[in-house]
Amino acid sequence: MARISLAPPSTLLNRIGAWYSRRTYGKVLDPGLAVGHNGRVLLTYVRQERGAAKWNRLDRGVKHLAVMAAAARINCSWCMDFGHWEADSLGLPMDKISKVPQWRDHQDAFTELELLVLDYAEAMTETEPRVTDELAATLIERLGEAAFVELTAMVALENYRSRINSAFGLTSQGFSDTCAVTSRT
């Protein structure tokens, strides 16, 4: 159960946000409702998300795996739920996405680069990050500096999202119910 009311003030900003969310996702997103209690935070959040959506130096599938790994590491059920829906809408292989929370047990399902990215996302997500010089250098060599910067920023952004959603007590909104997720173990 959410720790914060999901009924923010009925401001113009929140009404526009709810309209956009329903139009884009089919329902109003709980994180938007929670953050809607503070208009300045909501505007910053929206600007950040819109800006990040334009980043294109990193393969979208690899980027999504990093986001899912960070969400899984923090154990944000809302982010995992939405992440499954988003992966499905991006046309990513759902059998692979469903293995992200236990990727170390399913390494054969991922490419060498994907394994490095999953490891990096988890390393960044630790409360005391455990990113090594070797891991960073390997990823820079494989991705290039621009894509590495984008990867790092996406993992940090997902940490921001997941930690906010977890602190608010937000849980699944049923997005993954519409996906072809065969297994989450």
Protein backbone atom coordinates (compact mmCIF):
# COMPACT_ATOMS: atom_id res chain seq x y z
CA MET A 1 0.00 0.00 0.00
CA ALA A 2 1.26 3.45 -0.90
CA ARG A 3 2.73 5.48 1.94
CA ILE A 4 1.57 8.69 0.29
CA SER A 5 -1.84 9.64 -0.99
CA LEU A 6 -2.35 8.99 -4.69
CA ALA A 7 -4.82 11.86 -4.79
CA PRO A 8 -2.70 14.98 -5.33
CA PRO A 9 -4.24 18.44 -5.54
CA SER A 10 -6.31 18.98 -8.69
CA THR A 11 -3.97 21.56 -10.20
CA LEU A 12 -3.74 22.27 -13.90
CA LEU A 13 -0.33 20.57 -13.97
CA ASN A 14 -1.68 17.39 -12.35
CA ARG A 15 -4.72 17.32 -14.63
CA ILE A 16 -2.50 17.67 -17.71
CA GLY A 17 -0.18 14.99 -16.33
CA ALA A 18 -3.09 12.61 -15.73
CA TRP A 19 -4.45 13.22 -19.25
CA TYR A 20 -1.04 12.60 -20.82
CA SER A 21 -0.48 9.48 -18.72
CA ARG A 22 -3.86 7.98 -19.64
CA ARG A 23 -3.26 8.78 -23.32
CA THR A 24 0.25 7.33 -23.36
CA TYR A 25 0.03 4.39 -20.93
CA GLY A 26 -3.70 3.67 -20.67
CA LYS A 27 -3.81 4.68 -17.01
CA VAL A 28 -2.49 7.35 -14.68
CA LEU A 29 0.90 6.31 -13.35
CA ASP A 30 1.09 6.06 -9.56
CA PRO A 31 4.55 7.71 -9.39
CA GLY A 32 3.11 10.78 -11.13
CA LEU A 33 0.24 10.90 -8.64
CA ALA A 34 2.62 10.60 -5.71
CA VAL A 35 5.07 13.20 -6.99
CA GLY A 36 2.13 15.44 -7.97
CA HIS A 37 1.93 16.65 -4.38
CA ASN A 38 4.87 18.93 -5.19
CA GLY A 39 4.53 20.71 -8.53
CA ARG A 40 8.18 21.75 -8.79
CA VAL A 41 9.39 18.22 -8.16
CA LEU A 42 6.87 16.91 -10.71
CA LEU A 43 8.03 19.39 -13.37
CA THR A 44 11.67 18.48 -12.77
CA TYR A 45 10.81 14.77 -12.90
CA VAL A 46 8.92 15.19 -16.20
CA ARG A 47 11.70 17.28 -17.77
CA GLN A 48 14.26 14.70 -16.73
CA GLU A 49 12.24 11.80 -18.15
CA ARG A 50 11.53 13.64 -21.43
CA GLY A 51 15.20 14.49 -21.80
CA ALA A 52 16.33 10.93 -21.07
CA ALA A 53 13.85 9.61 -23.64
CA LYS A 54 15.85 11.44 -26.32
CA TRP A 55 19.17 9.81 -25.48
CA ASN A 56 20.17 7.50 -28.33
CA ARG A 57 23.84 6.56 -28.08
CA LEU A 58 23.15 3.24 -26.36
CA ASP A 59 21.25 0.32 -27.85
CA ARG A 60 17.71 0.43 -26.45
CA GLY A 61 17.68 -3.26 -25.54
CA VAL A 62 20.94 -3.00 -23.61
CA LYS A 63 19.68 0.20 -21.98
CA HIS A 64 16.48 -1.50 -20.91
CA LEU A 65 18.36 -4.45 -19.42
CA ALA A 66 20.39 -2.00 -17.33
CA VAL A 67 17.23 -0.25 -16.14
CA MET A 68 15.59 -3.57 -15.23
CA ALA A 69 18.71 -4.78 -13.39
CA ALA A 70 18.79 -1.64 -11.26
CA ALA A 71 15.06 -1.90 -10.51
CA ALA A 72 15.42 -5.57 -9.61
CA ARG A 73 18.41 -4.87 -7.34
CA ILE A 74 16.41 -2.25 -5.44
CA ASN A 75 13.40 -4.59 -5.54
CA CYS A 76 11.01 -1.95 -6.85
CA SER A 77 7.93 -3.92 -7.83
CA TRP A 78 6.36 -0.90 -9.57
CA CYS A 79 9.44 -0.43 -11.75
CA MET A 80 9.66 -4.13 -12.56
CA ASP A 81 5.98 -4.21 -13.51
CA PHE A 82 6.25 -1.13 -15.73
CA GLY A 83 9.58 -2.35 -17.09
CA HIS A 84 7.99 -5.57 -18.35
CA TRP A 85 5.28 -3.60 -20.10
CA GLU A 86 7.82 -1.20 -21.57
CA ALA A 87 10.02 -4.07 -22.79
CA ASP A 88 7.00 -5.66 -24.44
CA SER A 89 6.07 -2.39 -26.14
CA LEU A 90 9.68 -2.04 -27.37
CA GLY A 91 9.49 -5.53 -28.85
CA LEU A 92 12.23 -6.90 -26.60
CA PRO A 93 12.31 -10.67 -25.96
CA MET A 94 10.18 -11.24 -22.88
CA ASP A 95 11.87 -14.53 -22.05
CA LYS A 96 15.13 -12.60 -21.61
CA ILE A 97 13.51 -9.73 -19.68
CA SER A 98 11.90 -12.18 -17.25
CA LYS A 99 15.35 -13.55 -16.38
CA VAL A 100 16.88 -10.19 -15.40
CA PRO A 101 16.19 -10.47 -11.64
CA GLN A 102 18.16 -13.75 -11.56
CA TRP A 103 20.47 -13.05 -14.48
CA ARG A 104 23.47 -14.68 -12.79
CA ASP A 105 21.58 -18.00 -12.84
CA HIS A 106 20.69 -17.58 -16.53
CA GLN A 107 23.90 -16.24 -18.04
CA ASP A 108 23.44 -18.33 -21.18
CA ALA A 109 20.39 -16.19 -22.04
CA PHE A 110 22.51 -13.04 -22.38
CA THR A 111 25.34 -11.91 -24.63
CA GLU A 112 28.75 -11.07 -23.20
CA LEU A 113 28.00 -7.34 -23.50
CA GLU A 114 24.62 -7.75 -21.83
CA LEU A 115 26.25 -9.59 -18.93
CA LEU A 116 28.74 -6.75 -18.51
CA VAL A 117 25.90 -4.21 -18.56
CA LEU A 118 23.86 -6.18 -16.00
CA ASP A 119 26.91 -6.43 -13.74
CA TYR A 120 27.59 -2.70 -14.14
CA ALA A 121 23.98 -1.77 -13.34
CA GLU A 122 24.06 -3.85 -10.17
CA ALA A 123 27.49 -2.50 -9.21
CA MET A 124 26.25 1.08 -9.58
CA THR A 125 23.09 0.33 -7.62
CA GLU A 126 24.82 -0.93 -4.49
CA THR A 127 24.52 1.52 -1.61
CA GLU A 128 28.26 1.79 -1.81
CA PRO A 129 28.85 1.43 -5.55
CA ARG A 130 31.24 -1.40 -6.44
CA VAL A 131 32.09 -0.32 -9.99
CA THR A 132 35.68 -1.32 -10.76
CA ASP A 133 38.14 0.35 -13.09
CA GLU A 134 38.29 -2.89 -15.08
CA LEU A 135 34.50 -3.13 -15.56
CA ALA A 136 34.27 0.53 -16.60
CA ALA A 137 37.23 0.20 -19.00
CA THR A 138 35.76 -2.93 -20.59
CA LEU A 139 32.41 -1.23 -21.15
CA ILE A 140 34.03 1.91 -22.54
CA GLU A 141 36.01 -0.24 -24.94
CA ARG A 142 32.89 -2.16 -26.03
CA LEU A 143 30.39 0.74 -26.11
CA GLY A 144 32.45 3.89 -26.61
CA GLU A 145 32.49 6.82 -24.23
CA ALA A 146 29.20 8.44 -25.32
CA ALA A 147 27.20 5.21 -24.86
CA PHE A 148 29.00 4.51 -21.57
CA VAL A 149 27.95 7.94 -20.27
CA GLU A 150 24.37 7.19 -21.34
CA LEU A 151 24.46 3.78 -19.66
CA THR A 152 25.73 5.33 -16.43
CA ALA A 153 23.09 8.06 -16.53
CA MET A 154 20.28 5.55 -17.22
CA VAL A 155 21.29 3.35 -14.29
CA ALA A 156 21.47 6.43 -12.05
CA LEU A 157 18.05 7.56 -13.31
CA GLU A 158 16.56 4.15 -12.58
CA ASN A 159 18.08 4.26 -9.11
CA TYR A 160 16.30 7.59 -8.63
CA ARG A 161 12.99 6.20 -9.90
CA SER A 162 13.16 2.92 -8.01
CA ARG A 163 14.22 4.48 -4.73
CA ILE A 164 11.43 7.07 -4.91
CA ASN A 165 8.82 4.46 -5.79
CA SER A 166 10.04 2.06 -3.10
CA ALA A 167 10.10 4.81 -0.46
CA PHE A 168 6.54 5.81 -1.45
CA GLY A 169 5.50 2.15 -1.11
CA LEU A 170 4.29 1.96 -4.71
CA THR A 171 3.67 -1.53 -6.03
CA SER A 172 2.65 -3.11 -9.30
CA GLN A 173 -0.07 -1.37 -11.29
CA GLY A 174 -0.76 -4.40 -13.47
CA PHE A 175 1.24 -3.33 -16.51
CA SER A 176 2.97 -6.69 -16.88
CA ASP A 177 -0.39 -8.44 -16.98
CA THR A 178 -0.69 -7.31 -20.59
CA CYS A 179 2.71 -8.74 -21.57
CA ALA A 180 3.73 -12.13 -22.80
CA VAL A 181 5.77 -12.82 -19.65
CA THR A 182 6.17 -16.54 -19.33
CA SER A 183 8.16 -16.69 -16.11
CA ARG A 184 9.70 -14.33 -13.60
CA THR A 185 12.03 -16.85 -11.98
